[in-house]
C-alpha atoms as a PDB file:
ATOM      1  CA  MET A   1      -9.406  16.761  -3.851  1.00  0.00           C
ATOM      2  CA  ASP A   2      -9.942  16.896   0.375  1.00  0.00           C
ATOM      3  CA  ALA A   3     -13.071  19.550  -0.610  1.00  0.00           C
ATOM      4  CA  LEU A   4     -14.554  17.365  -2.720  1.00  0.00           C
ATOM      5  CA  VAL A   5     -13.892  14.021  -0.752  1.00  0.00           C
ATOM      6  CA  ASN A   6     -15.330  16.267   2.478  1.00  0.00           C
ATOM      7  CA  LYS A   7     -18.847  17.316   0.318  1.00  0.00           C
ATOM      8  CA  ARG A   8     -19.417  13.206  -0.671  1.00  0.00           C
ATOM      9  CA  ILE A   9     -18.689  11.955   2.466  1.00  0.00           C
ATOM     10  CA  LYS A  10     -21.042  14.598   3.702  1.00  0.00           C
ATOM     11  CA  GLN A  11     -23.834  13.337   1.400  1.00  0.00           C
ATOM     12  CA  VAL A  12     -23.180   9.962   1.968  1.00  0.00           C
ATOM     13  CA  LEU A  13     -24.180  10.455   6.269  1.00  0.00           C
ATOM     14  CA  LYS A  14     -26.712  12.339   4.778  1.00  0.00           C
ATOM     15  CA  GLY A  15     -28.478   8.672   3.647  1.00  0.00           C
ATOM     16  CA  ASP A  16     -26.386   9.406  -0.046  1.00  0.00           C
ATOM     17  CA  GLN A  17     -25.104   6.081  -0.720  1.00  0.00           C
ATOM     18  CA  ASN A  18     -24.099   6.500  -4.359  1.00  0.00           C
ATOM     19  CA  ALA A  19     -21.517   9.507  -3.283  1.00  0.00           C
ATOM     20  CA  PHE A  20     -19.267   6.874  -1.353  1.00  0.00           C
ATOM     21  CA  ALA A  21     -18.713   5.190  -4.657  1.00  0.00           C
ATOM     22  CA  ASP A  22     -17.529   8.464  -5.854  1.00  0.00           C
ATOM     23  CA  ILE A  23     -15.266   8.191  -3.374  1.00  0.00           C
ATOM     24  CA  VAL A  24     -14.105   4.710  -4.133  1.00  0.00           C
ATOM     25  CA  SER A  25     -13.486   6.056  -7.646  1.00  0.00           C
ATOM     26  CA  LEU A  26     -11.470   8.220  -7.038  1.00  0.00           C
ATOM     27  CA  TYR A  27      -8.911   6.658  -4.273  1.00  0.00           C
ATOM     28  CA  GLN A  28      -9.186   2.416  -5.285  1.00  0.00           C
ATOM     29  CA  HIS A  29      -6.354   2.269  -7.760  1.00  0.00           C
ATOM     30  CA  LYS A  30      -3.785   3.850  -5.382  1.00  0.00           C
ATOM     31  CA  LEU A  31      -5.182   1.853  -2.455  1.00  0.00           C
ATOM     32  CA  TYR A  32      -5.204  -1.111  -4.395  1.00  0.00           C
ATOM     33  CA  GLN A  33      -1.115  -0.833  -5.049  1.00  0.00           C
ATOM     34  CA  VAL A  34      -0.665   0.003  -1.416  1.00  0.00           C
ATOM     35  CA  CYS A  35      -2.285  -3.249  -0.691  1.00  0.00           C
ATOM     36  CA  TYR A  36      -0.167  -5.258  -3.349  1.00  0.00           C
ATOM     37  CA  ARG A  37       2.810  -3.644  -2.970  1.00  0.00           C
ATOM     38  CA  MET A  38       2.608  -5.399   1.600  1.00  0.00           C
ATOM     39  CA  LEU A  39       0.805  -8.630   0.732  1.00  0.00           C
ATOM     40  CA  GLY A  40       2.823  -8.513  -3.564  1.00  0.00           C
ATOM     41  CA  ASN A  41      -1.229 -11.345  -4.022  1.00  0.00           C
ATOM     42  CA  LYS A  42      -3.655  -9.869  -6.964  1.00  0.00           C
ATOM     43  CA  GLN A  43      -6.360 -11.333  -5.060  1.00  0.00           C
ATOM     44  CA  GLU A  44      -5.889 -10.600  -1.255  1.00  0.00           C
ATOM     45  CA  SER A  45      -5.125  -7.309  -2.674  1.00  0.00           C
ATOM     46  CA  GLU A  46      -8.585  -7.005  -3.822  1.00  0.00           C
ATOM     47  CA  ASP A  47      -9.848  -8.389  -1.681  1.00  0.00           C
ATOM     48  CA  ILE A  48      -7.820  -6.065   1.742  1.00  0.00           C
ATOM     49  CA  THR A  49      -8.676  -3.156  -0.903  1.00  0.00           C
ATOM     50  CA  GLN A  50     -13.339  -3.683  -0.625  1.00  0.00           C
ATOM     51  CA  GLU A  51     -12.589  -4.592   3.155  1.00  0.00           C
ATOM     52  CA  ALA A  52     -11.177  -0.924   3.587  1.00  0.00           C
ATOM     53  CA  PHE A  53     -13.647   0.934   1.963  1.00  0.00           C
ATOM     54  CA  VAL A  54     -16.706  -1.634   3.920  1.00  0.00           C
ATOM     55  CA  ARG A  55     -14.577  -0.342   6.982  1.00  0.00           C
ATOM     56  CA  ALA A  56     -14.370   3.208   6.128  1.00  0.00           C
ATOM     57  CA  TYR A  57     -17.755   3.160   4.694  1.00  0.00           C
ATOM     58  CA  MET A  58     -19.345   1.526   7.881  1.00  0.00           C
ATOM     59  CA  ASN A  59     -17.485   4.079  10.464  1.00  0.00           C
ATOM     60  CA  LEU A  60     -17.802   7.097   8.266  1.00  0.00           C
ATOM     61  CA  HIS A  61     -20.017   8.664  11.315  1.00  0.00           C
ATOM     62  CA  THR A  62     -16.393   8.847  12.982  1.00  0.00           C
ATOM     63  CA  PHE A  63     -13.904   9.964  10.464  1.00  0.00           C
ATOM     64  CA  ASP A  64     -13.003  13.378  11.450  1.00  0.00           C
ATOM     65  CA  GLN A  65     -13.387  16.012   8.787  1.00  0.00           C
ATOM     66  CA  LYS A  66     -10.483  18.273   9.785  1.00  0.00           C
ATOM     67  CA  ARG A  67      -8.964  15.294   8.634  1.00  0.00           C
ATOM     68  CA  LYS A  68      -7.256  14.188   4.854  1.00  0.00           C
ATOM     69  CA  PHE A  69      -9.123  11.295   4.547  1.00  0.00           C
ATOM     70  CA  SER A  70      -6.932   9.633   2.740  1.00  0.00           C
ATOM     71  CA  THR A  71      -4.355   8.901   5.584  1.00  0.00           C
ATOM     72  CA  TRP A  72      -7.371   7.150   6.880  1.00  0.00           C
ATOM     73  CA  LEU A  73      -8.420   5.407   4.672  1.00  0.00           C
ATOM     74  CA  TYR A  74      -4.261   4.318   4.354  1.00  0.00           C
ATOM     75  CA  ARG A  75      -4.170   3.411   7.593  1.00  0.00           C
ATOM     76  CA  ILE A  76      -7.303   1.112   7.550  1.00  0.00           C
ATOM     77  CA  ALA A  77      -6.064  -0.583   4.882  1.00  0.00           C
ATOM     78  CA  THR A  78      -2.558  -0.779   6.205  1.00  0.00           C
ATOM     79  CA  ASN A  79      -3.948  -2.490   9.754  1.00  0.00           C
ATOM     80  CA  LEU A  80      -5.863  -5.112   7.722  1.00  0.00           C
ATOM     81  CA  CYS A  81      -2.750  -5.596   5.074  1.00  0.00           C
ATOM     82  CA  ILE A  82      -0.876  -6.176   8.399  1.00  0.00           C
ATOM     83  CA  ASP A  83      -3.238  -8.247  10.345  1.00  0.00           C
ATOM     84  CA  ARG A  84      -3.351 -10.743   6.396  1.00  0.00           C
ATOM     85  CA  ILE A  85       0.013 -11.041   6.661  1.00  0.00           C
ATOM     86  CA  ARG A  86       0.122 -12.388   9.878  1.00  0.00           C
ATOM     87  CA  LYS A  87      -1.421 -14.501   9.579  1.00  0.00           C
ATOM     88  CA  LYS A  88      -0.139 -15.811   6.366  1.00  0.00           C
ATOM     89  CA  LYS A  89       3.077 -15.585   7.857  1.00  0.00           C
ATOM     90  CA  PRO A  90       3.758 -19.396   7.907  1.00  0.00           C
ATOM     91  CA  ASP A  91       3.132 -20.663   4.587  1.00  0.00           C
ATOM     92  CA  TYR A  92       3.422 -16.966   2.714  1.00  0.00           C
ATOM     93  CA  TYR A  93       6.292 -15.141   0.596  1.00  0.00           C
ATOM     94  CA  LEU A  94       5.446 -12.214  -1.572  1.00  0.00           C
ATOM     95  CA  ASP A  95       7.010 -14.267  -4.872  1.00  0.00           C
ATOM     96  CA  ALA A  96       4.300 -16.499  -4.902  1.00  0.00           C
ATOM     97  CA  GLU A  97       3.567 -15.508  -8.578  1.00  0.00           C
ATOM     98  CA  VAL A  98       6.320 -16.289 -11.273  1.00  0.00           C
ATOM     99  CA  ALA A  99       7.136 -13.597 -14.574  1.00  0.00           C
ATOM    100  CA  GLY A 100       5.771 -14.407 -17.913  1.00  0.00           C
ATOM    101  CA  THR A 101       2.907 -15.513 -17.118  1.00  0.00           C
ATOM    102  CA  GLU A 102      -1.158 -14.637 -17.140  1.00  0.00           C
ATOM    103  CA  GLY A 103      -0.838 -13.213 -14.035  1.00  0.00           C
ATOM    104  CA  LEU A 104       1.931 -10.418 -14.973  1.00  0.00           C
ATOM    105  CA  ASP A 105       2.321  -7.925 -11.649  1.00  0.00           C
ATOM    106  CA  MET A 106       2.578  -3.955 -11.139  1.00  0.00           C
ATOM    107  CA  TYR A 107       5.947  -3.578 -12.668  1.00  0.00           C
ATOM    108  CA  SER A 108       4.525  -5.027 -15.984  1.00  0.00           C
ATOM    109  CA  GLN A 109       2.277  -1.798 -16.431  1.00  0.00           C
ATOM    110  CA  ILE A 110       5.589   0.850 -16.138  1.00  0.00           C
ATOM    111  CA  ALA A 111       5.809   2.992 -19.327  1.00  0.00           C
ATOM    112  CA  ALA A 112       8.227   1.814 -21.759  1.00  0.00           C
ATOM    113  CA  ASP A 113      11.278   4.286 -21.637  1.00  0.00           C
ATOM    114  CA  ASP A 114      13.331   3.659 -24.863  1.00  0.00           C
ATOM    115  CA  GLN A 115      14.759   0.926 -23.155  1.00  0.00           C
ATOM    116  CA  LEU A 116      16.297  -2.918 -24.525  1.00  0.00           C
ATOM    117  CA  PRO A 117      14.041  -5.335 -24.220  1.00  0.00           C
ATOM    118  CA  GLU A 118      17.111  -6.906 -22.121  1.00  0.00           C
ATOM    119  CA  GLU A 119      17.476  -3.647 -20.561  1.00  0.00           C
ATOM    120  CA  GLN A 120      13.759  -4.169 -19.335  1.00  0.00           C
ATOM    121  CA  ILE A 121      14.573  -7.827 -18.452  1.00  0.00           C
ATOM    122  CA  GLU A 122      17.121  -6.251 -15.673  1.00  0.00           C
ATOM    123  CA  GLN A 123      14.732  -4.002 -14.661  1.00  0.00           C
ATOM    124  CA  MET A 124      12.530  -5.737 -13.778  1.00  0.00           C
ATOM    125  CA  GLU A 125      14.368  -8.218 -12.590  1.00  0.00           C
ATOM    126  CA  LEU A 126      16.017  -6.174 -10.366  1.00  0.00           C
ATOM    127  CA  GLN A 127      12.562  -4.536  -9.850  1.00  0.00           C
ATOM    128  CA  ASP A 128      10.942  -7.874  -8.376  1.00  0.00           C
ATOM    129  CA  ARG A 129      14.129  -8.923  -6.143  1.00  0.00           C
ATOM    130  CA  ILE A 130      13.661  -5.227  -4.581  1.00  0.00           C
ATOM    131  CA  GLN A 131      10.387  -5.893  -3.669  1.00  0.00           C
ATOM    132  CA  TYR A 132      11.264  -9.520  -2.848  1.00  0.00           C
ATOM    133  CA  GLU A 133      13.680  -8.666  -0.563  1.00  0.00           C
ATOM    134  CA  ILE A 134      10.580  -5.556   1.225  1.00  0.00           C
ATOM    135  CA  GLY A 135       8.666  -8.980   1.261  1.00  0.00           C
ATOM    136  CA  ARG A 136      10.985 -10.512   3.553  1.00  0.00           C
ATOM    137  CA  LEU A 137      11.341  -7.631   6.411  1.00  0.00           C
ATOM    138  CA  PRO A 138      10.320  -7.116   9.304  1.00  0.00           C
ATOM    139  CA  ASP A 139       6.688  -6.200   9.399  1.00  0.00           C
ATOM    140  CA  LYS A 140       7.286  -3.215  11.097  1.00  0.00           C
ATOM    141  CA  TYR A 141       9.892  -2.232   9.102  1.00  0.00           C
ATOM    142  CA  ARG A 142       8.049  -3.262   5.767  1.00  0.00           C
ATOM    143  CA  SER A 143       4.720  -0.631   6.397  1.00  0.00           C
ATOM    144  CA  VAL A 144       6.875   1.883   6.869  1.00  0.00           C
ATOM    145  CA  ILE A 145       9.136   1.723   3.448  1.00  0.00           C
ATOM    146  CA  VAL A 146       6.315   1.117   1.231  1.00  0.00           C
ATOM    147  CA  LEU A 147       4.630   3.853   3.057  1.00  0.00           C
ATOM    148  CA  LYS A 148       7.459   5.346   2.568  1.00  0.00           C
ATOM    149  CA  TYR A 149       9.295   4.574  -0.692  1.00  0.00           C
ATOM    150  CA  ILE A 150       6.897   3.541  -3.155  1.00  0.00           C
ATOM    151  CA  GLU A 151       3.387   4.983  -2.136  1.00  0.00           C
ATOM    152  CA  GLU A 152       6.043   8.361  -1.351  1.00  0.00           C
ATOM    153  CA  LEU A 153       3.752   9.690   2.109  1.00  0.00           C
ATOM    154  CA  SER A 154       5.136  12.344   4.582  1.00  0.00           C
ATOM    155  CA  LEU A 155       6.879  10.910   7.313  1.00  0.00           C
ATOM    156  CA  GLN A 156       3.687  13.086   8.798  1.00  0.00           C
ATOM    157  CA  GLU A 157       1.118  11.123   7.133  1.00  0.00           C
ATOM    158  CA  ILE A 158       2.706   7.874   7.791  1.00  0.00           C
ATOM    159  CA  SER A 159       2.573   8.244  11.943  1.00  0.00           C
ATOM    160  CA  GLU A 160      -1.068   9.097  10.753  1.00  0.00           C
ATOM    161  CA  ILE A 161      -1.158   6.469   9.226  1.00  0.00           C
ATOM    162  CA  LEU A 162       0.565   3.411  11.507  1.00  0.00           C
ATOM    163  CA  ASP A 163      -1.029   5.830  14.737  1.00  0.00           C
ATOM    164  CA  MET A 164       2.604   5.850  16.469  1.00  0.00           C
ATOM    165  CA  PRO A 165       4.757   9.217  17.415  1.00  0.00           C
ATOM    166  CA  LEU A 166       7.035  10.652  14.612  1.00  0.00           C
ATOM    167  CA  GLY A 167      10.518   9.261  16.145  1.00  0.00           C
ATOM    168  CA  THR A 168       9.478   5.802  15.569  1.00  0.00           C
ATOM    169  CA  VAL A 169       8.632   6.615  11.958  1.00  0.00           C
ATOM    170  CA  LYS A 170      11.760   8.144  11.746  1.00  0.00           C
ATOM    171  CA  THR A 171      13.893   5.433  12.996  1.00  0.00           C
ATOM    172  CA  ARG A 172      11.379   2.736  11.604  1.00  0.00           C
ATOM    173  CA  ILE A 173      13.213   4.325   8.329  1.00  0.00           C
ATOM    174  CA  HIS A 174      16.611   3.734   9.626  1.00  0.00           C
ATOM    175  CA  ARG A 175      15.947   0.468  10.902  1.00  0.00           C
ATOM    176  CA  GLY A 176      14.296  -0.988   7.789  1.00  0.00           C
ATOM    177  CA  ARG A 177      16.986   1.029   5.274  1.00  0.00           C
ATOM    178  CA  GLU A 178      20.084  -0.341   6.688  1.00  0.00           C
ATOM    179  CA  ALA A 179      17.439  -3.856   7.287  1.00  0.00           C
ATOM    180  CA  LEU A 180      16.776  -3.948   3.082  1.00  0.00           C
ATOM    181  CA  ARG A 181      20.708  -2.193   2.153  1.00  0.00           C
ATOM    182  CA  LYS A 182      22.449  -5.982   3.730  1.00  0.00           C
ATOM    183  CA  GLN A 183      19.884  -8.401   2.201  1.00  0.00           C
ATOM    184  CA  LEU A 184      20.722  -6.830  -1.376  1.00  0.00           C
ATOM    185  CA  ASN A 185      24.373  -6.265  -1.310  1.00  0.00           C
ATOM    186  CA  ASN A 186      24.526  -9.324  -3.038  1.00  0.00           C
ATOM    187  CA  LEU A 187      23.556  -7.818  -6.056  1.00  0.00           C
END
């Protein structure tokens, strides 16, 4: 996939704007998921996803093609999410969306594995609670926890996305897990 992306990037740099549409279609869903898990709000996540693609397009000439494009793109989106969280922190809560309304959350998209309806509801409530508790983590822990455990990125990729040393990433993951464990202790 990296070869395809690099080919499309070269086409964009030569003036083919339509080639960027292929890049967007490859990454839009995954990038939206990262934003949604960090922000917990559908509209804000869509806005940040779009803004990340716009910034990537505008700054494509600065991208080093020896590196992974996805890492660079995730870094842009993660930084935008962190900025949005910091600006809206006092009046923003991740549990704003009510389950059972027309705006279903991402957990409702999980395929059924022959669980009983009661078990599905319990599972959804647990996932909502975990997402809520992740949202209560300090920004520096929330971003590494989302990238590591929800997006399943490697420590090296997280280090590159957040532009911090590998040791700092490991420390923040450990401290974030401990903080999350304390918050979830009463489950």
